[in-house]
Amino acid sequence: QLVERQLGAGDGNAGDEVVMASSAAVKLQCPLGYTRIATPARGIFCTHLQCFDAKVYLQLNERKGTWTCPLCSKPLPVLNLRKDMLWVQMLRSAPSDCSSAIIQRNCT
């Protein structure tokens, strides 16, 4: 659902004048630890496709305790953190030296 919202899936009505993107580029590197994401996550209220590494997020917040999304700055307590299974599949299939990926509207 998040992919559809981000890429503008529309409802197919003739009156839809929304420009729909067919894909979006994402980075496989965590913006917090600057290493490849191992446990992809984002907040339940986040609207971005990009994930970060949950383990790095938890480790950093144990020390500094800001508990906000590193990408959109929304409040992100532990209970609102979710693992992204689309990203898990994407990371498994991407070569280890790959630093970015394209997510298609059909989640491929």
Protein backbone atom coordinates (compact mmCIF):
# COMPACT_ATOMS: atom_id res chain seq x y z
CA GLN A 1 0.00 0.00 0.00
CA LEU A 2 2.84 2.38 0.80
CA VAL A 3 4.40 1.75 -2.61
CA GLU A 4 1.06 2.50 -4.29
CA ARG A 5 0.63 5.72 -2.27
CA GLN A 6 4.18 6.90 -2.99
CA LEU A 7 4.07 6.10 -6.70
CA GLY A 8 0.49 7.36 -7.20
CA ALA A 9 -1.45 4.22 -8.07
CA GLY A 10 -4.74 6.15 -8.59
CA ASP A 11 -8.05 4.34 -8.84
CA GLY A 12 -8.17 4.10 -12.62
CA ASN A 13 -11.06 6.56 -13.08
CA ALA A 14 -11.08 8.58 -16.28
CA GLY A 15 -11.05 11.75 -14.19
CA ASP A 16 -7.69 10.92 -12.61
CA GLU A 17 -5.23 13.60 -13.61
CA VAL A 18 -2.55 12.48 -11.19
CA VAL A 19 0.81 11.79 -12.77
CA MET A 20 1.83 8.31 -11.72
CA ALA A 21 5.46 7.35 -11.32
CA SER A 22 6.30 3.84 -12.41
CA SER A 23 9.26 3.41 -10.07
CA ALA A 24 11.29 4.96 -7.26
CA ALA A 25 15.00 4.75 -6.45
CA VAL A 26 16.06 3.80 -2.93
CA LYS A 27 19.43 3.46 -1.25
CA LEU A 28 20.42 0.15 0.32
CA GLN A 29 22.80 1.93 2.68
CA CYS A 30 21.54 2.95 6.12
CA PRO A 31 21.50 6.75 6.58
CA LEU A 32 22.49 6.24 10.23
CA GLY A 33 25.30 3.70 10.10
CA TYR A 34 26.43 4.22 6.49
CA THR A 35 26.55 0.46 5.95
CA ARG A 36 24.23 -1.82 4.03
CA ILE A 37 20.86 -2.19 5.74
CA ALA A 38 20.57 -5.54 7.53
CA THR A 39 17.19 -5.16 9.24
CA PRO A 40 15.09 -2.78 7.11
CA ALA A 41 12.54 -0.75 9.04
CA ARG A 42 10.50 2.42 9.10
CA GLY A 43 7.83 3.91 11.36
CA ILE A 44 4.18 3.00 10.99
CA PHE A 45 3.34 6.68 10.39
CA CYS A 46 6.18 7.30 7.93
CA THR A 47 5.15 7.83 4.31
CA HIS A 48 8.56 7.39 2.62
CA LEU A 49 9.71 4.22 0.85
CA GLN A 50 13.28 4.49 2.10
CA CYS A 51 14.17 2.30 5.09
CA PHE A 52 16.96 2.39 7.65
CA ASP A 53 18.57 -0.33 9.74
CA ALA A 54 16.45 -1.06 12.83
CA LYS A 55 19.39 -2.35 14.87
CA VAL A 56 21.43 0.80 14.22
CA TYR A 57 18.40 2.95 15.04
CA LEU A 58 17.87 1.16 18.35
CA GLN A 59 21.56 1.31 19.30
CA LEU A 60 21.82 5.04 18.59
CA ASN A 61 18.62 5.87 20.43
CA GLU A 62 19.66 3.89 23.50
CA ARG A 63 22.42 6.47 23.87
CA LYS A 64 20.88 9.74 22.68
CA GLY A 65 17.17 8.95 23.10
CA THR A 66 15.67 11.22 20.42
CA TRP A 67 13.35 8.49 19.03
CA THR A 68 12.52 10.26 15.78
CA CYS A 69 12.64 8.90 12.24
CA PRO A 70 16.05 9.67 10.73
CA LEU A 71 14.42 10.30 7.35
CA CYS A 72 11.29 12.35 8.03
CA SER A 73 11.78 13.38 11.69
CA LYS A 74 8.38 12.09 12.82
CA PRO A 75 8.27 10.73 16.38
CA LEU A 76 9.26 7.07 16.27
CA PRO A 77 9.08 5.20 19.57
CA VAL A 78 10.06 1.52 19.51
CA LEU A 79 6.42 0.36 19.45
CA ASN A 80 5.90 2.15 16.12
CA LEU A 81 8.94 0.60 14.42
CA ARG A 82 8.15 -2.06 11.77
CA LYS A 83 10.32 -4.41 9.72
CA ASP A 84 9.70 -4.03 5.97
CA MET A 85 9.37 -7.44 4.32
CA LEU A 86 9.52 -6.06 0.76
CA TRP A 87 12.92 -4.65 1.66
CA VAL A 88 13.99 -7.96 3.23
CA GLN A 89 13.32 -9.70 -0.11
CA MET A 90 14.98 -6.91 -2.07
CA LEU A 91 18.12 -7.00 0.08
CA ARG A 92 18.36 -10.78 -0.20
CA SER A 93 18.18 -10.68 -3.98
CA ALA A 94 20.50 -7.69 -4.53
CA PRO A 95 24.24 -8.36 -4.89
CA SER A 96 26.24 -7.41 -1.81
CA ASP A 97 28.08 -4.65 -3.69
CA CYS A 98 24.81 -3.05 -4.87
CA SER A 99 24.19 0.34 -3.20
CA SER A 100 20.78 1.24 -4.62
CA ALA A 101 17.67 -0.33 -6.10
CA ILE A 102 14.55 0.60 -8.05
CA ILE A 103 11.14 -0.28 -6.60
CA GLN A 104 8.50 -0.69 -9.30
CA ARG A 105 4.85 0.21 -8.75
CA ASN A 106 4.03 -3.54 -8.73
CA CYS A 107 6.57 -4.00 -5.85
CA THR A 108 9.21 -5.74 -7.97
